[in-house]
Amino acid sequence: MTPTGAAVLYAVTWFMVFFILLPIRVQSQDEAGDVAPGTPPGAPSGFVVRRKALLTTVVATVVWGAVCGIILSGWISLEDIDVTGRMTPG
């Protein structure tokens, strides 16, 4: 795996984990009882992106490390996922 490939894998992993964690434990303004004028009642109330980004970084680093370990160990290779036979030389 090249360093660029590792960086792209980390970026994709980070955003996937971030979009998974975004809706977890979000309270709407309607549930909080404080709907700001001009916003829909379902808008988030007191949303803290910094905490979610920090948690995402920790979780994504662990997931990325596991995926990189699997790739670098050769446990899953390109031949294993190439079902059409187009990516392997020969």
PDB file of N, CA and C in Angstrom:
ATOM      1  N   MET A   1       0.851  -1.171   0.000  1.00  0.00           N
ATOM      2  CA  MET A   1       0.000   0.000   0.000  1.00  0.00           C
ATOM      3  C   MET A   1       0.896   1.232   0.000  1.00  0.00           C
ATOM      4  N   THR A   2       0.600   2.147  -0.899  1.00  0.00           N
ATOM      5  CA  THR A   2       1.377   3.374  -0.983  1.00  0.00           C
ATOM      6  C   THR A   2       0.918   4.360   0.086  1.00  0.00           C
ATOM      7  N   PRO A   3       1.758   5.332   0.416  1.00  0.00           N
ATOM      8  CA  PRO A   3       1.324   6.339   1.392  1.00  0.00           C
ATOM      9  C   PRO A   3       0.089   7.114   0.933  1.00  0.00           C
ATOM     10  N   THR A   4      -0.001   7.376  -0.362  1.00  0.00           N
ATOM     11  CA  THR A   4      -1.182   8.072  -0.878  1.00  0.00           C
ATOM     12  C   THR A   4      -2.422   7.194  -0.724  1.00  0.00           C
ATOM     13  N   GLY A   5      -2.286   5.911  -1.015  1.00  0.00           N
ATOM     14  CA  GLY A   5      -3.402   4.989  -0.838  1.00  0.00           C
ATOM     15  C   GLY A   5      -3.836   4.902   0.613  1.00  0.00           C
ATOM     16  N   ALA A   6      -2.872   4.918   1.531  1.00  0.00           N
ATOM     17  CA  ALA A   6      -3.198   4.878   2.953  1.00  0.00           C
ATOM     18  C   ALA A   6      -3.921   6.150   3.384  1.00  0.00           C
ATOM     19  N   ALA A   7      -3.492   7.296   2.851  1.00  0.00           N
ATOM     20  CA  ALA A   7      -4.137   8.567   3.196  1.00  0.00           C
ATOM     21  C   ALA A   7      -5.567   8.619   2.654  1.00  0.00           C
ATOM     22  N   VAL A   8      -5.763   8.141   1.436  1.00  0.00           N
ATOM     23  CA  VAL A   8      -7.110   8.119   0.856  1.00  0.00           C
ATOM     24  C   VAL A   8      -8.002   7.159   1.639  1.00  0.00           C
ATOM     25  N   LEU A   9      -7.464   6.003   2.008  1.00  0.00           N
ATOM     26  CA  LEU A   9      -8.230   5.044   2.803  1.00  0.00           C
ATOM     27  C   LEU A   9      -8.631   5.651   4.147  1.00  0.00           C
ATOM     28  N   TYR A  10      -7.722   6.410   4.774  1.00  0.00           N
ATOM     29  CA  TYR A  10      -8.040   7.050   6.042  1.00  0.00           C
ATOM     30  C   TYR A  10      -9.128   8.107   5.856  1.00  0.00           C
ATOM     31  N   ALA A  11      -9.031   8.906   4.794  1.00  0.00           N
ATOM     32  CA  ALA A  11     -10.036   9.943   4.554  1.00  0.00           C
ATOM     33  C   ALA A  11     -11.409   9.332   4.328  1.00  0.00           C
ATOM     34  N   VAL A  12     -11.477   8.281   3.542  1.00  0.00           N
ATOM     35  CA  VAL A  12     -12.757   7.626   3.280  1.00  0.00           C
ATOM     36  C   VAL A  12     -13.305   7.010   4.562  1.00  0.00           C
ATOM     37  N   THR A  13     -12.440   6.375   5.336  1.00  0.00           N
ATOM     38  CA  THR A  13     -12.853   5.769   6.606  1.00  0.00           C
ATOM     39  C   THR A  13     -13.345   6.842   7.571  1.00  0.00           C
ATOM     40  N   TRP A  14     -12.623   7.965   7.646  1.00  0.00           N
ATOM     41  CA  TRP A  14     -13.006   9.038   8.562  1.00  0.00           C
ATOM     42  C   TRP A  14     -14.394   9.559   8.226  1.00  0.00           C
ATOM     43  N   PHE A  15     -14.644   9.858   6.947  1.00  0.00           N
ATOM     44  CA  PHE A  15     -15.952  10.397   6.568  1.00  0.00           C
ATOM     45  C   PHE A  15     -17.067   9.371   6.751  1.00  0.00           C
ATOM     46  N   MET A  16     -16.794   8.107   6.484  1.00  0.00           N
ATOM     47  CA  MET A  16     -17.823   7.085   6.708  1.00  0.00           C
ATOM     48  C   MET A  16     -18.201   7.021   8.184  1.00  0.00           C
ATOM     49  N   VAL A  17     -17.197   7.008   9.055  1.00  0.00           N
ATOM     50  CA  VAL A  17     -17.467   6.956  10.496  1.00  0.00           C
ATOM     51  C   VAL A  17     -18.167   8.238  10.949  1.00  0.00           C
ATOM     52  N   PHE A  18     -17.757   9.377  10.410  1.00  0.00           N
ATOM     53  CA  PHE A  18     -18.371  10.658  10.781  1.00  0.00           C
ATOM     54  C   PHE A  18     -19.856  10.681  10.437  1.00  0.00           C
ATOM     55  N   PHE A  19     -20.204  10.225   9.234  1.00  0.00           N
ATOM     56  CA  PHE A  19     -21.606  10.224   8.840  1.00  0.00           C
ATOM     57  C   PHE A  19     -22.415   9.171   9.603  1.00  0.00           C
ATOM     58  N   ILE A  20     -21.765   8.151  10.113  1.00  0.00           N
ATOM     59  CA  ILE A  20     -22.456   7.180  10.966  1.00  0.00           C
ATOM     60  C   ILE A  20     -22.720   7.781  12.344  1.00  0.00           C
ATOM     61  N   LEU A  21     -21.748   8.537  12.881  1.00  0.00           N
ATOM     62  CA  LEU A  21     -21.877   9.081  14.228  1.00  0.00           C
ATOM     63  C   LEU A  21     -22.725  10.358  14.301  1.00  0.00           C
ATOM     64  N   LEU A  22     -22.895  11.066  13.191  1.00  0.00           N
ATOM     65  CA  LEU A  22     -23.630  12.340  13.238  1.00  0.00           C
ATOM     66  C   LEU A  22     -25.035  12.237  13.851  1.00  0.00           C
ATOM     67  N   PRO A  23     -25.864  11.291  13.452  1.00  0.00           N
ATOM     68  CA  PRO A  23     -27.227  11.297  13.992  1.00  0.00           C
ATOM     69  C   PRO A  23     -27.370  10.656  15.377  1.00  0.00           C
ATOM     70  N   ILE A  24     -26.306  10.134  15.931  1.00  0.00           N
ATOM     71  CA  ILE A  24     -26.401   9.452  17.225  1.00  0.00           C
ATOM     72  C   ILE A  24     -26.484  10.491  18.350  1.00  0.00           C
ATOM     73  N   ARG A  25     -27.462  10.322  19.223  1.00  0.00           N
ATOM     74  CA  ARG A  25     -27.694  11.157  20.405  1.00  0.00           C
ATOM     75  C   ARG A  25     -27.901  12.628  20.071  1.00  0.00           C
ATOM     76  N   VAL A  26     -28.636  12.895  19.007  1.00  0.00           N
ATOM     77  CA  VAL A  26     -28.980  14.265  18.639  1.00  0.00           C
ATOM     78  C   VAL A  26     -30.388  14.549  19.137  1.00  0.00           C
ATOM     79  N   GLN A  27     -30.553  15.660  19.832  1.00  0.00           N
ATOM     80  CA  GLN A  27     -31.856  16.060  20.346  1.00  0.00           C
ATOM     81  C   GLN A  27     -32.368  17.223  19.501  1.00  0.00           C
ATOM     82  N   SER A  28     -33.597  17.110  19.026  1.00  0.00           N
ATOM     83  CA  SER A  28     -34.168  18.177  18.204  1.00  0.00           C
ATOM     84  C   SER A  28     -34.592  19.352  19.085  1.00  0.00           C
ATOM     85  N   GLN A  29     -34.801  20.493  18.434  1.00  0.00           N
ATOM     86  CA  GLN A  29     -35.251  21.674  19.171  1.00  0.00           C
ATOM     87  C   GLN A  29     -36.646  21.455  19.742  1.00  0.00           C
ATOM     88  N   ASP A  30     -37.453  20.688  19.028  1.00  0.00           N
ATOM     89  CA  ASP A  30     -38.804  20.394  19.517  1.00  0.00           C
ATOM     90  C   ASP A  30     -38.741  19.543  20.781  1.00  0.00           C
ATOM     91  N   GLU A  31     -37.856  18.560  20.805  1.00  0.00           N
ATOM     92  CA  GLU A  31     -37.703  17.714  22.000  1.00  0.00           C
ATOM     93  C   GLU A  31     -37.147  18.514  23.172  1.00  0.00           C
ATOM     94  N   ALA A  32     -36.267  19.484  22.876  1.00  0.00           N
ATOM     95  CA  ALA A  32     -35.679  20.298  23.935  1.00  0.00           C
ATOM     96  C   ALA A  32     -36.642  21.370  24.427  1.00  0.00           C
ATOM     97  N   GLY A  33     -37.705  21.655  23.629  1.00  0.00           N
ATOM     98  CA  GLY A  33     -38.684  22.657  24.027  1.00  0.00           C
ATOM     99  C   GLY A  33     -38.245  24.077  23.737  1.00  0.00           C
ATOM    100  N   ASP A  34     -37.270  24.267  22.881  1.00  0.00           N
ATOM    101  CA  ASP A  34     -36.759  25.600  22.584  1.00  0.00           C
ATOM    102  C   ASP A  34     -36.545  25.733  21.084  1.00  0.00           C
ATOM    103  N   VAL A  35     -37.633  25.986  20.345  1.00  0.00           N
ATOM    104  CA  VAL A  35     -37.545  26.124  18.894  1.00  0.00           C
ATOM    105  C   VAL A  35     -37.199  27.565  18.560  1.00  0.00           C
ATOM    106  N   ALA A  36     -36.048  27.764  17.904  1.00  0.00           N
ATOM    107  CA  ALA A  36     -35.616  29.106  17.505  1.00  0.00           C
ATOM    108  C   ALA A  36     -36.469  29.587  16.339  1.00  0.00           C
ATOM    109  N   PRO A  37     -36.816  30.846  16.315  1.00  0.00           N
ATOM    110  CA  PRO A  37     -37.632  31.374  15.210  1.00  0.00           C
ATOM    111  C   PRO A  37     -36.898  31.223  13.868  1.00  0.00           C
ATOM    112  N   GLY A  38     -37.639  30.772  12.855  1.00  0.00           N
ATOM    113  CA  GLY A  38     -37.080  30.618  11.522  1.00  0.00           C
ATOM    114  C   GLY A  38     -36.426  29.274  11.267  1.00  0.00           C
ATOM    115  N   THR A  39     -36.451  28.369  12.253  1.00  0.00           N
ATOM    116  CA  THR A  39     -35.875  27.037  12.068  1.00  0.00           C
ATOM    117  C   THR A  39     -36.970  25.997  12.216  1.00  0.00           C
ATOM    118  N   PRO A  40     -36.811  24.854  11.556  1.00  0.00           N
ATOM    119  CA  PRO A  40     -37.817  23.803  11.714  1.00  0.00           C
ATOM    120  C   PRO A  40     -37.690  23.152  13.098  1.00  0.00           C
ATOM    121  N   PRO A  41     -38.778  22.617  13.614  1.00  0.00           N
ATOM    122  CA  PRO A  41     -38.725  21.986  14.942  1.00  0.00           C
ATOM    123  C   PRO A  41     -37.763  20.795  15.000  1.00  0.00           C
ATOM    124  N   GLY A  42     -37.494  20.172  13.856  1.00  0.00           N
ATOM    125  CA  GLY A  42     -36.605  19.012  13.850  1.00  0.00           C
ATOM    126  C   GLY A  42     -35.132  19.352  13.780  1.00  0.00           C
ATOM    127  N   ALA A  43     -34.790  20.646  13.767  1.00  0.00           N
ATOM    128  CA  ALA A  43     -33.390  21.061  13.717  1.00  0.00           C
ATOM    129  C   ALA A  43     -32.692  20.681  15.024  1.00  0.00           C
ATOM    130  N   PRO A  44     -31.412  20.339  14.954  1.00  0.00           N
ATOM    131  CA  PRO A  44     -30.699  19.936  16.172  1.00  0.00           C
ATOM    132  C   PRO A  44     -30.599  21.065  17.191  1.00  0.00           C
ATOM    133  N   SER A  45     -30.606  20.685  18.447  1.00  0.00           N
ATOM    134  CA  SER A  45     -30.469  21.637  19.533  1.00  0.00           C
ATOM    135  C   SER A  45     -29.161  21.370  20.267  1.00  0.00           C
ATOM    136  N   GLY A  46     -28.307  22.363  20.349  1.00  0.00           N
ATOM    137  CA  GLY A  46     -27.049  22.206  21.075  1.00  0.00           C
ATOM    138  C   GLY A  46     -26.124  21.182  20.449  1.00  0.00           C
ATOM    139  N   PHE A  47     -26.033  21.186  19.133  1.00  0.00           N
ATOM    140  CA  PHE A  47     -25.224  20.190  18.427  1.00  0.00           C
ATOM    141  C   PHE A  47     -23.748  20.532  18.563  1.00  0.00           C
ATOM    142  N   VAL A  48     -22.935  19.577  18.991  1.00  0.00           N
ATOM    143  CA  VAL A  48     -21.511  19.793  19.207  1.00  0.00           C
ATOM    144  C   VAL A  48     -20.726  18.988  18.174  1.00  0.00           C
ATOM    145  N   VAL A  49     -20.263  19.665  17.140  1.00  0.00           N
ATOM    146  CA  VAL A  49     -19.546  18.988  16.062  1.00  0.00           C
ATOM    147  C   VAL A  49     -18.135  18.622  16.499  1.00  0.00           C
ATOM    148  N   ARG A  50     -17.512  19.445  17.315  1.00  0.00           N
ATOM    149  CA  ARG A  50     -16.125  19.195  17.734  1.00  0.00           C
ATOM    150  C   ARG A  50     -16.004  17.858  18.471  1.00  0.00           C
ATOM    151  N   ARG A  51     -16.931  17.574  19.360  1.00  0.00           N
ATOM    152  CA  ARG A  51     -16.897  16.303  20.095  1.00  0.00           C
ATOM    153  C   ARG A  51     -17.084  15.122  19.153  1.00  0.00           C
ATOM    154  N   LYS A  52     -18.003  15.265  18.194  1.00  0.00           N
ATOM    155  CA  LYS A  52     -18.235  14.189  17.222  1.00  0.00           C
ATOM    156  C   LYS A  52     -17.016  13.990  16.332  1.00  0.00           C
ATOM    157  N   ALA A  53     -16.352  15.071  15.950  1.00  0.00           N
ATOM    158  CA  ALA A  53     -15.161  14.970  15.110  1.00  0.00           C
ATOM    159  C   ALA A  53     -14.023  14.294  15.872  1.00  0.00           C
ATOM    160  N   LEU A  54     -13.885  14.608  17.151  1.00  0.00           N
ATOM    161  CA  LEU A  54     -12.849  13.958  17.966  1.00  0.00           C
ATOM    162  C   LEU A  54     -13.120  12.460  18.112  1.00  0.00           C
ATOM    163  N   LEU A  55     -14.348  12.107  18.407  1.00  0.00           N
ATOM    164  CA  LEU A  55     -14.721  10.698  18.533  1.00  0.00           C
ATOM    165  C   LEU A  55     -14.540   9.988  17.196  1.00  0.00           C
ATOM    166  N   THR A  56     -14.891  10.673  16.113  1.00  0.00           N
ATOM    167  CA  THR A  56     -14.719  10.105  14.781  1.00  0.00           C
ATOM    168  C   THR A  56     -13.257   9.820  14.502  1.00  0.00           C
ATOM    169  N   THR A  57     -12.376  10.731  14.880  1.00  0.00           N
ATOM    170  CA  THR A  57     -10.948  10.549  14.644  1.00  0.00           C
ATOM    171  C   THR A  57     -10.427   9.319  15.388  1.00  0.00           C
ATOM    172  N   VAL A  58     -10.859   9.144  16.616  1.00  0.00           N
ATOM    173  CA  VAL A  58     -10.406   7.984  17.397  1.00  0.00           C
ATOM    174  C   VAL A  58     -10.917   6.684  16.783  1.00  0.00           C
ATOM    175  N   VAL A  59     -12.206   6.629  16.496  1.00  0.00           N
ATOM    176  CA  VAL A  59     -12.799   5.408  15.946  1.00  0.00           C
ATOM    177  C   VAL A  59     -12.249   5.113  14.554  1.00  0.00           C
ATOM    178  N   ALA A  60     -12.130   6.148  13.716  1.00  0.00           N
ATOM    179  CA  ALA A  60     -11.635   5.955  12.352  1.00  0.00           C
ATOM    180  C   ALA A  60     -10.187   5.490  12.345  1.00  0.00           C
ATOM    181  N   THR A  61      -9.388   5.963  13.281  1.00  0.00           N
ATOM    182  CA  THR A  61      -7.993   5.528  13.358  1.00  0.00           C
ATOM    183  C   THR A  61      -7.903   4.047  13.704  1.00  0.00           C
ATOM    184  N   VAL A  62      -8.737   3.590  14.603  1.00  0.00           N
ATOM    185  CA  VAL A  62      -8.753   2.172  14.966  1.00  0.00           C
ATOM    186  C   VAL A  62      -9.214   1.317  13.785  1.00  0.00           C
ATOM    187  N   VAL A  63     -10.293   1.744  13.139  1.00  0.00           N
ATOM    188  CA  VAL A  63     -10.816   0.997  11.987  1.00  0.00           C
ATOM    189  C   VAL A  63      -9.798   1.000  10.850  1.00  0.00           C
ATOM    190  N   TRP A  64      -9.196   2.154  10.580  1.00  0.00           N
ATOM    191  CA  TRP A  64      -8.196   2.277   9.523  1.00  0.00           C
ATOM    192  C   TRP A  64      -6.987   1.380   9.811  1.00  0.00           C
ATOM    193  N   GLY A  65      -6.554   1.349  11.060  1.00  0.00           N
ATOM    194  CA  GLY A  65      -5.430   0.484  11.429  1.00  0.00           C
ATOM    195  C   GLY A  65      -5.745  -0.987  11.195  1.00  0.00           C
ATOM    196  N   ALA A  66      -6.969  -1.389  11.518  1.00  0.00           N
ATOM    197  CA  ALA A  66      -7.366  -2.782  11.292  1.00  0.00           C
ATOM    198  C   ALA A  66      -7.421  -3.102   9.797  1.00  0.00           C
ATOM    199  N   VAL A  67      -7.990  -2.196   9.009  1.00  0.00           N
ATOM    200  CA  VAL A  67      -8.081  -2.420   7.564  1.00  0.00           C
ATOM    201  C   VAL A  67      -6.691  -2.441   6.938  1.00  0.00           C
ATOM    202  N   CYS A  68      -5.829  -1.516   7.338  1.00  0.00           N
ATOM    203  CA  CYS A  68      -4.454  -1.503   6.819  1.00  0.00           C
ATOM    204  C   CYS A  68      -3.705  -2.774   7.214  1.00  0.00           C
ATOM    205  N   GLY A  69      -3.920  -3.225   8.424  1.00  0.00           N
ATOM    206  CA  GLY A  69      -3.283  -4.472   8.859  1.00  0.00           C
ATOM    207  C   GLY A  69      -3.717  -5.659   8.021  1.00  0.00           C
ATOM    208  N   ILE A  70      -4.996  -5.720   7.706  1.00  0.00           N
ATOM    209  CA  ILE A  70      -5.515  -6.807   6.873  1.00  0.00           C
ATOM    210  C   ILE A  70      -4.929  -6.728   5.471  1.00  0.00           C
ATOM    211  N   ILE A  71      -4.867  -5.515   4.920  1.00  0.00           N
ATOM    212  CA  ILE A  71      -4.341  -5.354   3.566  1.00  0.00           C
ATOM    213  C   ILE A  71      -2.851  -5.669   3.521  1.00  0.00           C
ATOM    214  N   LEU A  72      -2.093  -5.132   4.455  1.00  0.00           N
ATOM    215  CA  LEU A  72      -0.638  -5.320   4.441  1.00  0.00           C
ATOM    216  C   LEU A  72      -0.217  -6.748   4.791  1.00  0.00           C
ATOM    217  N   SER A  73      -1.033  -7.446   5.554  1.00  0.00           N
ATOM    218  CA  SER A  73      -0.686  -8.821   5.905  1.00  0.00           C
ATOM    219  C   SER A  73      -0.897  -9.776   4.736  1.00  0.00           C
ATOM    220  N   GLY A  74      -1.698  -9.349   3.764  1.00  0.00           N
ATOM    221  CA  GLY A  74      -1.981 -10.212   2.631  1.00  0.00           C
ATOM    222  C   GLY A  74      -3.123 -11.172   2.878  1.00  0.00           C
ATOM    223  N   TRP A  75      -3.800 -11.022   4.004  1.00  0.00           N
ATOM    224  CA  TRP A  75      -4.910 -11.907   4.329  1.00  0.00           C
ATOM    225  C   TRP A  75      -6.017 -11.776   3.288  1.00  0.00           C
ATOM    226  N   ILE A  76      -6.272 -10.537   2.842  1.00  0.00           N
ATOM    227  CA  ILE A  76      -7.182 -10.285   1.724  1.00  0.00           C
ATOM    228  C   ILE A  76      -6.370  -9.544   0.671  1.00  0.00           C
ATOM    229  N   SER A  77      -6.286 -10.101  -0.518  1.00  0.00           N
ATOM    230  CA  SER A  77      -5.499  -9.485  -1.582  1.00  0.00           C
ATOM    231  C   SER A  77      -6.395  -9.096  -2.748  1.00  0.00           C
ATOM    232  N   LEU A  78      -5.795  -8.502  -3.761  1.00  0.00           N
ATOM    233  CA  LEU A  78      -6.538  -8.094  -4.943  1.00  0.00           C
ATOM    234  C   LEU A  78      -7.146  -9.298  -5.655  1.00  0.00           C
ATOM    235  N   GLU A  79      -6.451 -10.410  -5.646  1.00  0.00           N
ATOM    236  CA  GLU A  79      -6.969 -11.622  -6.279  1.00  0.00           C
ATOM    237  C   GLU A  79      -8.238 -12.135  -5.588  1.00  0.00           C
ATOM    238  N   ASP A  80      -8.365 -11.885  -4.306  1.00  0.00           N
ATOM    239  CA  ASP A  80      -9.542 -12.337  -3.561  1.00  0.00           C
ATOM    240  C   ASP A  80     -10.800 -11.547  -3.907  1.00  0.00           C
ATOM    241  N   ILE A  81     -10.631 -10.278  -4.230  1.00  0.00           N
ATOM    242  CA  ILE A  81     -11.816  -9.449  -4.496  1.00  0.00           C
ATOM    243  C   ILE A  81     -12.075  -9.240  -5.984  1.00  0.00           C
ATOM    244  N   ASP A  82     -11.170  -9.687  -6.847  1.00  0.00           N
ATOM    245  CA  ASP A  82     -11.326  -9.529  -8.297  1.00  0.00           C
ATOM    246  C   ASP A  82     -12.106 -10.721  -8.849  1.00  0.00           C
ATOM    247  N   VAL A  83     -13.429 -10.575  -8.874  1.00  0.00           N
ATOM    248  CA  VAL A  83     -14.277 -11.697  -9.300  1.00  0.00           C
ATOM    249  C   VAL A  83     -14.343 -11.837 -10.813  1.00  0.00           C
ATOM    250  N   THR A  84     -14.038 -10.760 -11.545  1.00  0.00           N
ATOM    251  CA  THR A  84     -14.105 -10.827 -13.005  1.00  0.00           C
ATOM    252  C   THR A  84     -12.773 -11.170 -13.633  1.00  0.00           C
ATOM    253  N   GLY A  85     -11.676 -11.104 -12.890  1.00  0.00           N
ATOM    254  CA  GLY A  85     -10.348 -11.431 -13.418  1.00  0.00           C
ATOM    255  C   GLY A  85      -9.744 -10.333 -14.271  1.00  0.00           C
ATOM    256  N   ARG A  86     -10.201  -9.125 -14.150  1.00  0.00           N
ATOM    257  CA  ARG A  86      -9.717  -8.013 -14.984  1.00  0.00           C
ATOM    258  C   ARG A  86      -8.563  -7.245 -14.358  1.00  0.00           C
ATOM    259  N   MET A  87      -8.389  -7.314 -13.057  1.00  0.00           N
ATOM    260  CA  MET A  87      -7.355  -6.503 -12.419  1.00  0.00           C
ATOM    261  C   MET A  87      -6.042  -7.238 -12.226  1.00  0.00           C
ATOM    262  N   THR A  88      -6.030  -8.534 -12.327  1.00  0.00           N
ATOM    263  CA  THR A  88      -4.808  -9.294 -12.120  1.00  0.00           C
ATOM    264  C   THR A  88      -4.056  -9.438 -13.432  1.00  0.00           C
ATOM    265  N   PRO A  89      -2.738  -9.335 -13.398  1.00  0.00           N
ATOM    266  CA  PRO A  89      -1.971  -9.498 -14.639  1.00  0.00           C
ATOM    267  C   PRO A  89      -2.001 -10.950 -15.087  1.00  0.00           C
ATOM    268  N   GLY A  90      -1.974 -11.106 -16.387  1.00  0.00           N
ATOM    269  CA  GLY A  90      -1.822 -12.473 -16.819  1.00  0.00           C
ATOM    270  C   GLY A  90      -2.691 -12.921 -17.874  1.00  0.00           C
TER     271      GLY A  90
END
